[in-house]
């Protein structure tokens, strides 16, 4: 088992795992007191064989302390993997795991005599990372992909723009809301934010908004009219329309509507599916579509995912494993990672990166207190190619594979910066039990072409204290004639986490 904090009043959740070694053979019963928890037990030392034996998550409050597992046969001297994942009641300030042994009629606390470490961390600091030596969590593993909400359709190959460039004529495109002058402080957010309307965006009853503003759905009839207009515009046969996956509409009341059309096509001659993903524009006063000049997304653009950290080793490791999973699914040769580390004592970053499957990565290690603006600025300066996309991330995220192309679609060099609205899970929520808020006031997750970063000037040079730097960056972006795409995405979400000790001494 791992060490339990003395004061659980400051703890949002606990994962306790290790081995249990009974001294008697026979039938046992388990229970947990003072916390809402799940207990998983394996029939041997392998965590993959664990099954849930106790769950208070769906019990009423008054029954949580009196629920008992079914009878479980254990053999004396044998090691069994055990895991307890708990959310504790703040007023109780403790957790107890109890069992009833074969020769007793009463429950008793399982003490250290019967427990063994999974990894002995007694000589290490509280946040030391073990890389591959720790088991996955059976509780978490059982919940993955349990909900259709965060599941996304598998990506298939995209048609290149060259393959469809003759379908529509090209037209000049400059939205009326673009400005080319310095704007007032926070004016980009308050006065220059244009909603993007989304068709086929999954709603969820447990998701709420911080403010009233939210990306709204597109009228279905309007979407189908635009899609059919596009499909009927070509002079040569395209594969047949199989499915409308998504349509984004960004309105310009003075000049017309810009759409990003994403449809799945089926070539009946070889039964091959392909994705068509194109920006089109419909000027006011007409039903005819055109391609906006110099406004198509680059399917092979280099994307640099950038994170910065100080003593958040476990979260850095989570990020690395997340990118490994994406690369395993896509084999994307143009996906890169940059990590800026403030000499963290809880992770040997160089060792972790060398032992990972990542090949396209860079990292910086600096001493001193954490500075968000300085660390991101110096990390971005490592990117020399102005035609690459830099994307700044938080660490406490889960990134879905489609998000990488989502970045490419909404970063248009010389035109558009992408800052998605992401979902933050509430305390205790997970993929099976969704709840939380859309972070529609947060602009810290943001990407753009390196040339546009340089053009905007990046973070304000005076901004070395934490707070407001993202909004001021948006002011600079808008002030040099760029727009920003702002919409919800289900391809990335933010985990609830404790802020205790986060960025200690940060500026």
Protein backbone atom coordinates (compact mmCIF):
# COMPACT_ATOMS: atom_id res chain seq x y z
CA UNK A 1 0.00 0.00 0.00
CA UNK A 2 1.06 3.57 -0.43
CA UNK A 3 1.23 6.08 2.40
CA UNK A 4 -2.08 7.71 3.29
CA UNK A 5 -2.14 11.42 4.03
CA UNK A 6 -2.63 12.21 7.69
CA UNK A 7 -5.19 14.89 6.86
CA UNK A 8 -7.71 13.66 4.30
CA UNK A 9 -9.61 16.94 4.48
CA UNK A 10 -7.28 18.28 1.77
CA UNK A 11 -7.45 15.15 -0.41
CA UNK A 12 -9.94 14.81 -3.29
CA UNK A 13 -9.34 11.12 -3.90
CA UNK A 14 -7.11 8.22 -2.93
CA UNK A 15 -5.71 5.22 -4.73
CA UNK A 16 -4.35 2.56 -2.37
CA UNK A 17 -2.87 -0.54 -3.94
CA UNK A 18 -0.45 -3.32 -3.16
CA UNK A 19 -0.68 -6.88 -1.93
CA UNK A 20 -2.65 -8.48 0.85
CA UNK A 21 -1.30 -11.69 2.47
CA UNK A 22 -3.75 -13.56 4.75
CA UNK A 23 -2.51 -15.80 7.58
CA UNK A 24 -5.53 -18.10 7.47
CA UNK A 25 -7.21 -20.00 4.67
CA UNK A 26 -10.96 -19.69 4.35
CA UNK A 27 -13.76 -17.29 3.52
CA UNK A 28 -13.27 -13.55 4.04
CA UNK A 29 -15.56 -10.50 3.90
CA UNK A 30 -14.44 -6.92 3.19
CA UNK A 31 -15.83 -3.45 3.80
CA UNK A 32 -14.71 0.18 3.78
CA UNK A 33 -15.70 2.81 6.31
CA UNK A 34 -15.94 6.59 6.03
CA UNK A 35 -15.37 6.84 2.27
CA UNK A 36 -17.19 6.26 -0.99
CA UNK A 37 -14.95 3.64 -2.53
CA UNK A 38 -14.43 0.63 -4.75
CA UNK A 39 -12.33 -2.37 -3.73
CA UNK A 40 -10.81 -4.63 -6.38
CA UNK A 41 -9.10 -7.94 -5.55
CA UNK A 42 -7.20 -10.34 -7.77
CA UNK A 43 -7.00 -14.12 -7.31
CA UNK A 44 -3.22 -13.78 -7.54
CA UNK A 45 -0.51 -11.08 -7.78
CA UNK A 46 -1.55 -9.88 -11.25
CA UNK A 47 -3.57 -6.67 -11.22
CA UNK A 48 -5.13 -7.58 -14.57
CA UNK A 49 -7.04 -10.39 -12.88
CA UNK A 50 -8.62 -8.11 -10.29
CA UNK A 51 -12.40 -7.96 -10.00
CA UNK A 52 -14.61 -5.59 -8.08
CA UNK A 53 -15.62 -7.01 -4.71
CA UNK A 54 -17.03 -3.89 -3.02
CA UNK A 55 -18.61 -0.71 -4.29
CA UNK A 56 -20.20 2.04 -2.24
CA UNK A 57 -20.50 4.44 -5.14
CA UNK A 58 -24.19 3.80 -5.73
CA UNK A 59 -25.26 3.37 -2.13
CA UNK A 60 -27.20 5.95 -0.19
CA UNK A 61 -25.22 8.00 2.32
CA UNK A 62 -26.57 6.17 5.37
CA UNK A 63 -25.67 2.74 3.97
CA UNK A 64 -22.09 3.45 2.94
CA UNK A 65 -20.59 2.33 6.23
CA UNK A 66 -22.55 -0.93 6.46
CA UNK A 67 -22.15 -2.52 3.05
CA UNK A 68 -20.24 -5.81 3.03
CA UNK A 69 -18.63 -7.73 0.18
CA UNK A 70 -19.60 -11.24 -0.74
CA UNK A 71 -17.58 -14.11 0.69
CA UNK A 72 -14.15 -14.52 -0.85
CA UNK A 73 -11.91 -17.55 -0.51
CA UNK A 74 -8.26 -16.79 0.29
CA UNK A 75 -5.29 -19.07 0.91
CA UNK A 76 -2.89 -18.48 3.79
CA UNK A 77 0.48 -17.04 2.75
CA UNK A 78 -0.55 -16.25 -0.82
CA UNK A 79 -0.15 -12.73 -2.23
CA UNK A 80 -3.22 -11.06 -3.71
CA UNK A 81 -3.23 -7.76 -5.56
CA UNK A 82 -5.70 -5.34 -3.97
CA UNK A 83 -6.76 -1.82 -4.89
CA UNK A 84 -8.95 0.71 -3.12
CA UNK A 85 -9.99 3.88 -4.93
CA UNK A 86 -11.89 6.26 -2.68
CA UNK A 87 -13.48 9.68 -2.51
CA UNK A 88 -13.64 10.58 1.14
CA UNK A 89 -16.24 12.56 3.02
CA UNK A 90 -14.44 15.68 4.14
CA UNK A 91 -16.12 15.70 7.55
CA UNK A 92 -14.89 12.16 8.35
CA UNK A 93 -11.25 12.87 7.55
CA UNK A 94 -10.21 9.19 7.42
CA UNK A 95 -10.60 5.89 5.59
CA UNK A 96 -10.66 2.36 6.98
CA UNK A 97 -10.39 -0.94 5.08
CA UNK A 98 -11.69 -3.82 7.18
CA UNK A 99 -12.10 -7.56 6.81
CA UNK A 100 -13.72 -10.40 8.69
CA UNK A 101 -11.38 -13.38 8.86
CA UNK A 102 -12.63 -17.01 8.90
CA UNK A 103 -12.14 -17.48 12.66
CA UNK A 104 -13.78 -14.23 13.74
CA UNK A 105 -17.35 -12.94 13.84
CA UNK A 106 -16.35 -9.26 13.82
CA UNK A 107 -14.75 -6.94 11.31
CA UNK A 108 -11.31 -5.59 12.08
CA UNK A 109 -8.99 -3.09 10.41
CA UNK A 110 -6.46 -4.69 8.06
CA UNK A 111 -3.15 -3.68 9.56
CA UNK A 112 0.32 -3.61 8.06
CA UNK A 113 1.06 -7.19 9.12
CA UNK A 114 -1.08 -8.43 6.23
CA UNK A 115 -0.03 -5.85 3.65
CA UNK A 116 2.91 -5.63 1.26
CA UNK A 117 4.17 -2.82 -0.99
CA UNK A 118 3.63 -3.00 -4.73
CA UNK A 119 6.74 -0.82 -4.91
CA UNK A 120 8.64 0.14 -1.77
CA UNK A 121 8.62 3.94 -1.86
CA UNK A 122 9.71 4.46 1.72
CA UNK A 123 13.06 5.94 0.66
CA UNK A 124 11.63 8.27 -1.96
CA UNK A 125 9.84 11.60 -1.83
CA UNK A 126 6.06 11.65 -1.84
CA UNK A 127 5.69 12.35 -5.56
CA UNK A 128 8.43 10.14 -6.98
CA UNK A 129 7.50 8.51 -10.25
CA UNK A 130 8.19 4.87 -11.04
CA UNK A 131 7.58 4.97 -14.77
CA UNK A 132 6.66 1.45 -15.90
CA UNK A 133 6.99 -0.19 -12.48
CA UNK A 134 3.49 0.77 -11.33
CA UNK A 135 0.38 -1.16 -12.27
CA UNK A 136 -2.52 0.31 -14.11
CA UNK A 137 -5.61 0.90 -12.00
CA UNK A 138 -8.32 -1.77 -12.43
CA UNK A 139 -10.89 0.82 -11.36
CA UNK A 140 -9.81 3.26 -14.07
CA UNK A 141 -9.24 0.56 -16.70
CA UNK A 142 -12.78 -0.71 -16.22
CA UNK A 143 -14.20 2.73 -17.00
CA UNK A 144 -12.31 3.50 -20.17
CA UNK A 145 -14.47 3.75 -23.27
CA UNK A 146 -17.61 3.07 -21.25
CA UNK A 147 -19.35 6.17 -22.54
CA UNK A 148 -20.24 7.12 -26.07
CA UNK A 149 -19.62 10.77 -25.30
CA UNK A 150 -15.82 10.76 -25.43
CA UNK A 151 -15.71 8.02 -28.02
CA UNK A 152 -15.06 9.33 -31.51
CA UNK A 153 -15.36 7.82 -34.92
CA UNK A 154 -12.16 6.33 -36.21
CA UNK A 155 -10.21 8.55 -38.55
CA UNK A 156 -9.81 7.39 -42.10
CA UNK A 157 -7.69 8.90 -44.84
CA UNK A 158 -8.49 12.42 -45.95
CA UNK A 159 -8.88 13.56 -49.51
CA UNK A 160 -6.26 16.18 -50.23
CA UNK A 161 -7.42 19.61 -51.27
CA UNK A 162 -5.78 19.07 -54.66
CA UNK A 163 -8.17 16.17 -55.29
CA UNK A 164 -11.22 18.42 -54.93
CA UNK A 165 -9.84 21.85 -55.83
CA UNK A 166 -11.78 22.02 -59.12
CA UNK A 167 -15.18 21.44 -57.55
CA UNK A 168 -15.72 25.07 -56.52
CA UNK A 169 -14.41 28.42 -57.71
CA UNK A 170 -12.13 30.43 -55.42
CA UNK A 171 -13.22 33.73 -53.91
CA UNK A 172 -11.57 36.53 -51.96
CA UNK A 173 -12.20 36.13 -48.27
CA UNK A 174 -11.71 38.71 -45.56
CA UNK A 175 -14.22 38.68 -42.72
CA UNK A 176 -15.64 42.04 -41.67
CA UNK A 177 -14.76 41.35 -38.03
CA UNK A 178 -11.00 41.29 -38.69
CA UNK A 179 -9.14 44.31 -37.30
CA UNK A 180 -5.58 45.52 -37.91
CA UNK A 181 -5.01 47.79 -34.97
CA UNK A 182 -4.21 47.46 -31.30
CA UNK A 183 -7.27 46.63 -29.21
CA UNK A 184 -7.99 47.51 -25.60
CA UNK A 185 -7.10 45.22 -22.73
CA UNK A 186 -9.18 42.02 -22.89
CA UNK A 187 -11.16 43.45 -25.84
CA UNK A 188 -10.44 40.35 -27.93
CA UNK A 189 -12.49 38.29 -25.49
CA UNK A 190 -15.19 40.85 -24.80
CA UNK A 191 -15.71 42.43 -28.22
CA UNK A 192 -14.13 40.26 -30.94
CA UNK A 193 -15.30 36.74 -30.09
CA UNK A 194 -17.39 35.22 -32.89
CA UNK A 195 -19.39 32.10 -32.12
CA UNK A 196 -18.86 28.94 -34.14
CA UNK A 197 -22.00 26.87 -34.56
CA UNK A 198 -21.58 23.10 -34.65
CA UNK A 199 -23.72 20.43 -36.25
CA UNK A 200 -23.75 16.97 -34.72
CA UNK A 201 -22.16 17.97 -31.46
CA UNK A 202 -23.15 15.57 -28.66
CA UNK A 203 -24.87 17.32 -25.81
CA UNK A 204 -24.85 15.95 -22.28
CA UNK A 205 -27.29 16.68 -19.49
CA UNK A 206 -24.55 16.83 -16.84
CA UNK A 207 -22.40 19.39 -18.66
CA UNK A 208 -22.92 23.00 -17.67
CA UNK A 209 -21.39 26.33 -18.66
CA UNK A 210 -19.54 28.88 -16.57
CA UNK A 211 -21.31 31.64 -18.50
CA UNK A 212 -24.36 31.77 -20.70
CA UNK A 213 -22.33 31.90 -23.94
CA UNK A 214 -21.71 28.57 -25.59
CA UNK A 215 -21.13 27.24 -29.08
CA UNK A 216 -24.59 26.57 -30.44
CA UNK A 217 -25.83 23.86 -32.76
CA UNK A 218 -26.41 24.44 -36.44
CA UNK A 219 -29.85 23.94 -37.91
CA UNK A 220 -29.90 20.50 -39.54
CA UNK A 221 -31.75 21.67 -42.66
CA UNK A 222 -29.21 24.46 -43.17
CA UNK A 223 -26.31 22.02 -42.87
CA UNK A 224 -27.75 19.51 -45.30
CA UNK A 225 -28.48 22.27 -47.80
CA UNK A 226 -24.83 23.37 -47.73
CA UNK A 227 -23.50 19.81 -47.97
CA UNK A 228 -25.78 18.94 -50.87
CA UNK A 229 -24.88 22.18 -52.63
CA UNK A 230 -21.21 21.20 -52.38
CA UNK A 231 -21.81 17.64 -53.56
CA UNK A 232 -23.84 18.85 -56.54
CA UNK A 233 -21.24 21.43 -57.59
CA UNK A 234 -18.68 19.04 -59.00
CA UNK A 235 -18.42 18.34 -62.70
CA UNK A 236 -16.96 14.90 -62.19
CA UNK A 237 -18.23 12.12 -59.98
CA UNK A 238 -17.17 12.05 -56.38
CA UNK A 239 -17.58 8.98 -54.22
CA UNK A 240 -21.12 8.85 -52.86
CA UNK A 241 -22.04 10.59 -49.63
CA UNK A 242 -22.06 8.03 -46.83
CA UNK A 243 -22.35 10.23 -43.73
CA UNK A 244 -22.22 13.85 -42.63
CA UNK A 245 -19.77 13.77 -39.75
CA UNK A 246 -19.59 17.41 -38.76
CA UNK A 247 -20.18 20.91 -40.06
CA UNK A 248 -18.91 24.09 -38.38
CA UNK A 249 -20.47 27.43 -39.28
CA UNK A 250 -18.84 30.74 -38.46
CA UNK A 251 -21.12 33.63 -39.38
CA UNK A 252 -20.17 37.07 -40.61
CA UNK A 253 -23.37 39.10 -40.58
CA UNK A 254 -22.00 41.56 -43.13
CA UNK A 255 -20.45 39.17 -45.66
CA UNK A 256 -21.67 35.60 -45.29
CA UNK A 257 -21.02 32.24 -43.64
CA UNK A 258 -17.84 30.19 -43.54
CA UNK A 259 -18.25 26.44 -43.20
CA UNK A 260 -15.93 23.57 -42.46
CA UNK A 261 -17.63 20.59 -44.08
CA UNK A 262 -16.62 17.10 -42.97
CA UNK A 263 -18.32 14.23 -44.75
CA UNK A 264 -17.54 10.57 -45.15
CA UNK A 265 -17.58 9.39 -48.75
CA UNK A 266 -17.83 5.85 -50.04
CA UNK A 267 -16.19 4.83 -53.29
CA UNK A 268 -18.45 2.00 -54.45
CA UNK A 269 -15.91 0.78 -57.01
CA UNK A 270 -13.51 -0.41 -54.31
CA UNK A 271 -15.65 -0.07 -51.16
CA UNK A 272 -13.16 2.47 -49.80
CA UNK A 273 -14.16 5.17 -47.34
CA UNK A 274 -12.49 8.58 -47.38
CA UNK A 275 -13.03 11.84 -45.52
CA UNK A 276 -13.63 15.12 -47.26
CA UNK A 277 -12.80 18.06 -44.99
CA UNK A 278 -12.93 21.45 -46.68
CA UNK A 279 -13.53 25.09 -45.87
CA UNK A 280 -16.16 26.75 -48.04
CA UNK A 281 -17.76 30.19 -48.04
CA UNK A 282 -21.32 31.23 -48.88
CA UNK A 283 -21.56 35.01 -49.46
CA UNK A 284 -24.67 36.84 -48.33
CA UNK A 285 -27.40 37.01 -50.95
CA UNK A 286 -26.49 33.79 -52.74
CA UNK A 287 -26.73 30.04 -52.27
CA UNK A 288 -23.54 29.40 -54.21
CA UNK A 289 -20.40 28.15 -52.49
CA UNK A 290 -16.77 29.01 -53.13
CA UNK A 291 -13.39 28.13 -51.67
CA UNK A 292 -11.97 31.01 -49.60
CA UNK A 293 -8.56 31.88 -51.08
CA UNK A 294 -5.52 30.81 -49.03
CA UNK A 295 -7.81 29.26 -46.43
CA UNK A 296 -7.35 25.49 -46.54
CA UNK A 297 -5.90 23.43 -43.75
CA UNK A 298 -2.58 21.62 -44.08
CA UNK A 299 -3.02 17.90 -43.48
CA UNK A 300 0.71 17.31 -42.95
CA UNK A 301 1.66 20.39 -40.93
CA UNK A 302 4.14 19.76 -38.14
CA UNK A 303 2.38 20.05 -34.78
CA UNK A 304 4.41 20.72 -31.64
CA UNK A 305 2.59 19.86 -28.40
CA UNK A 306 4.18 21.94 -25.65
CA UNK A 307 3.92 21.48 -21.88
CA UNK A 308 5.83 23.09 -19.03
CA UNK A 309 6.18 21.77 -15.50
CA UNK A 310 7.82 21.87 -12.11
CA UNK A 311 7.55 18.82 -9.84
CA UNK A 312 4.56 17.35 -11.63
CA UNK A 313 6.33 14.17 -12.65
CA UNK A 314 3.31 11.90 -12.68
CA UNK A 315 1.38 14.29 -14.90
CA UNK A 316 4.34 14.71 -17.26
CA UNK A 317 4.53 10.95 -17.49
CA UNK A 318 0.78 10.80 -18.17
CA UNK A 319 1.26 13.29 -21.02
CA UNK A 320 4.11 11.24 -22.53
CA UNK A 321 2.03 8.04 -22.39
CA UNK A 322 -0.91 9.91 -23.94
CA UNK A 323 1.22 11.02 -26.91
CA UNK A 324 2.64 7.51 -27.24
CA UNK A 325 -0.92 6.18 -27.57
CA UNK A 326 -1.76 8.76 -30.25
CA UNK A 327 1.36 7.88 -32.23
CA UNK A 328 0.63 4.19 -31.89
CA UNK A 329 -2.78 4.78 -33.46
CA UNK A 330 -1.71 7.21 -36.20
CA UNK A 331 2.01 6.77 -36.93
CA UNK A 332 1.96 10.53 -37.50
CA UNK A 333 5.53 11.52 -38.45
CA UNK A 334 4.72 15.22 -38.05
CA UNK A 335 3.71 15.16 -34.40
CA UNK A 336 6.33 16.53 -31.99
CA UNK A 337 6.65 17.15 -28.25
CA UNK A 338 8.44 19.90 -26.34
CA UNK A 339 8.71 19.73 -22.54
CA UNK A 340 10.10 22.60 -20.48
CA UNK A 341 11.01 21.37 -17.00
CA UNK A 342 12.02 23.49 -14.03
CA UNK A 343 14.55 21.00 -12.69
CA UNK A 344 11.85 18.76 -11.21
CA UNK A 345 12.97 16.47 -8.41
CA UNK A 346 10.16 13.96 -8.92
CA UNK A 347 11.05 12.77 -12.42
CA UNK A 348 14.17 12.00 -14.40
CA UNK A 349 12.75 13.46 -17.58
CA UNK A 350 15.71 12.64 -19.78
CA UNK A 351 15.54 8.99 -18.72
CA UNK A 352 11.77 8.78 -19.16
CA UNK A 353 11.93 10.26 -22.66
CA UNK A 354 14.77 7.98 -23.73
CA UNK A 355 12.85 4.93 -22.51
CA UNK A 356 9.63 6.04 -24.21
CA UNK A 357 8.69 5.31 -27.81
CA UNK A 358 8.79 9.03 -28.68
CA UNK A 359 11.37 10.09 -31.26
CA UNK A 360 10.30 13.64 -32.18
CA UNK A 361 10.84 15.43 -28.90
CA UNK A 362 12.86 18.25 -27.35
CA UNK A 363 13.18 19.26 -23.73
CA UNK A 364 14.64 22.10 -21.73
CA UNK A 365 15.67 21.94 -18.10
CA UNK A 366 16.03 25.15 -16.12
CA UNK A 367 16.36 26.05 -12.46
CA UNK A 368 14.39 28.57 -10.46
CA UNK A 369 10.73 29.22 -9.79
CA UNK A 370 8.06 28.35 -12.31
CA UNK A 371 7.06 31.03 -14.82
CA UNK A 372 4.37 30.08 -17.29
CA UNK A 373 5.01 32.85 -19.79
CA UNK A 374 8.79 32.49 -19.75
CA UNK A 375 8.74 28.69 -20.02
CA UNK A 376 6.31 28.59 -22.94
CA UNK A 377 8.11 31.42 -24.74
CA UNK A 378 11.49 29.68 -24.48
CA UNK A 379 9.99 26.34 -25.49
CA UNK A 380 8.34 27.89 -28.56
CA UNK A 381 11.65 29.51 -29.51
CA UNK A 382 13.01 25.99 -30.10
CA UNK A 383 10.74 25.72 -33.16
CA UNK A 384 12.63 27.21 -36.10
CA UNK A 385 10.18 26.45 -38.91
CA UNK A 386 7.65 29.32 -39.18
CA UNK A 387 5.23 27.01 -41.01
CA UNK A 388 4.87 24.63 -38.06
CA UNK A 389 2.04 24.76 -35.54
CA UNK A 390 2.85 25.33 -31.88
CA UNK A 391 0.20 24.24 -29.40
CA UNK A 392 0.35 25.08 -25.69
CA UNK A 393 -1.23 22.57 -23.32
CA UNK A 394 -1.99 22.06 -19.67
CA UNK A 395 -0.73 18.84 -18.11
CA UNK A 396 -3.97 17.66 -16.50
CA UNK A 397 -5.57 16.58 -19.76
CA UNK A 398 -6.62 13.53 -21.69
CA UNK A 399 -6.06 14.08 -25.41
CA UNK A 400 -7.94 12.02 -27.97
CA UNK A 401 -6.25 11.00 -31.20
CA UNK A 402 -8.52 13.12 -33.47
CA UNK A 403 -7.47 16.27 -31.62
CA UNK A 404 -4.20 16.47 -33.57
CA UNK A 405 -5.98 16.90 -36.90
CA UNK A 406 -8.49 19.10 -35.09
CA UNK A 407 -5.57 21.42 -34.37
CA UNK A 408 -4.49 21.36 -38.02
CA UNK A 409 -8.03 22.15 -39.19
CA UNK A 410 -8.43 25.20 -37.00
CA UNK A 411 -4.97 26.72 -37.33
CA UNK A 412 -4.82 28.48 -40.70
CA UNK A 413 -1.50 30.23 -41.28
CA UNK A 414 -1.88 33.98 -41.55
CA UNK A 415 -5.54 33.80 -40.62
CA UNK A 416 -6.72 31.71 -37.66
CA UNK A 417 -5.55 30.84 -34.15
CA UNK A 418 -7.23 27.94 -32.34
CA UNK A 419 -8.24 28.06 -28.68
CA UNK A 420 -10.85 25.35 -28.00
CA UNK A 421 -13.34 25.27 -25.17
CA UNK A 422 -12.55 22.12 -23.24
CA UNK A 423 -14.52 20.19 -20.68
CA UNK A 424 -13.37 19.93 -17.06
CA UNK A 425 -14.51 16.89 -15.14
CA UNK A 426 -16.02 17.52 -11.72
CA UNK A 427 -14.55 15.94 -8.60
CA UNK A 428 -15.43 12.25 -8.62
CA UNK A 429 -16.59 12.27 -12.25
CA UNK A 430 -15.13 9.94 -14.84
CA UNK A 431 -15.84 8.62 -18.31
CA UNK A 432 -18.61 6.40 -16.91
CA UNK A 433 -20.13 9.06 -14.67
CA UNK A 434 -19.78 12.34 -16.55
CA UNK A 435 -20.25 15.70 -14.86
CA UNK A 436 -18.51 19.04 -14.97
CA UNK A 437 -18.27 22.35 -16.79
CA UNK A 438 -17.24 23.78 -20.12
CA UNK A 439 -14.31 26.10 -19.44
CA UNK A 440 -15.58 28.84 -21.69
CA UNK A 441 -13.52 31.55 -20.00
CA UNK A 442 -10.20 29.71 -20.26
CA UNK A 443 -7.83 30.51 -23.13
CA UNK A 444 -4.72 28.70 -21.90
CA UNK A 445 -5.08 25.84 -24.38
CA UNK A 446 -4.08 27.59 -27.59
CA UNK A 447 -2.29 26.93 -30.85
CA UNK A 448 -1.17 28.79 -33.95
CA UNK A 449 1.46 28.72 -36.65
CA UNK A 450 4.89 29.78 -35.45
CA UNK A 451 4.81 32.61 -38.00
CA UNK A 452 1.61 33.93 -36.41
CA UNK A 453 3.12 33.64 -32.93
CA UNK A 454 6.05 35.75 -34.11
CA UNK A 455 3.73 38.16 -35.87
CA UNK A 456 1.61 38.69 -32.74
CA UNK A 457 4.64 39.07 -30.48
CA UNK A 458 3.73 36.13 -28.26
CA UNK A 459 3.06 36.65 -24.58
CA UNK A 460 3.24 40.27 -23.40
CA UNK A 461 6.85 40.95 -22.40
CA UNK A 462 5.79 42.58 -19.14
CA UNK A 463 3.70 39.59 -18.13
CA UNK A 464 5.79 37.40 -15.85
CA UNK A 465 3.26 37.10 -13.07
CA UNK A 466 0.57 34.45 -13.41
CA UNK A 467 -2.91 35.58 -14.44
CA UNK A 468 -4.43 37.28 -17.47
CA UNK A 469 -1.58 36.45 -19.83
CA UNK A 470 -3.81 34.28 -22.05
CA UNK A 471 -6.39 37.02 -22.51
CA UNK A 472 -3.66 39.56 -23.26
CA UNK A 473 -2.18 37.17 -25.82
CA UNK A 474 -5.59 37.09 -27.52
CA UNK A 475 -5.54 40.91 -27.62
CA UNK A 476 -2.21 40.78 -29.44
CA UNK A 477 -3.44 38.10 -31.85
CA UNK A 478 -6.54 40.08 -32.79
CA UNK A 479 -4.55 43.32 -33.01
CA UNK A 480 -2.39 42.03 -35.88
CA UNK A 481 -5.31 40.95 -38.05
CA UNK A 482 -5.77 37.34 -36.94
CA UNK A 483 -9.02 35.75 -35.82
CA UNK A 484 -9.48 32.94 -33.33
CA UNK A 485 -11.68 29.86 -33.58
CA UNK A 486 -13.53 29.21 -30.36
CA UNK A 487 -15.65 26.08 -30.03
CA UNK A 488 -16.24 23.10 -27.83
CA UNK A 489 -14.38 19.88 -28.51
CA UNK A 490 -14.98 16.40 -27.14
CA UNK A 491 -11.50 15.28 -28.20
CA UNK A 492 -9.82 16.64 -25.08
CA UNK A 493 -10.90 17.03 -21.47
CA UNK A 494 -9.44 18.35 -18.24
CA UNK A 495 -9.17 16.16 -15.14
CA UNK A 496 -10.24 17.46 -11.77
CA UNK A 497 -7.15 17.73 -9.58
CA UNK A 498 -6.03 19.19 -6.31
CA UNK A 499 -4.19 22.50 -6.48
CA UNK A 500 -2.36 21.90 -3.21
CA UNK A 501 1.32 22.69 -3.76
CA UNK A 502 0.75 23.27 -7.47
CA UNK A 503 3.50 25.43 -8.96
CA UNK A 504 4.88 26.32 -5.54
CA UNK A 505 6.67 29.63 -5.89
CA UNK A 506 5.30 30.14 -9.39
CA UNK A 507 5.29 33.49 -11.14
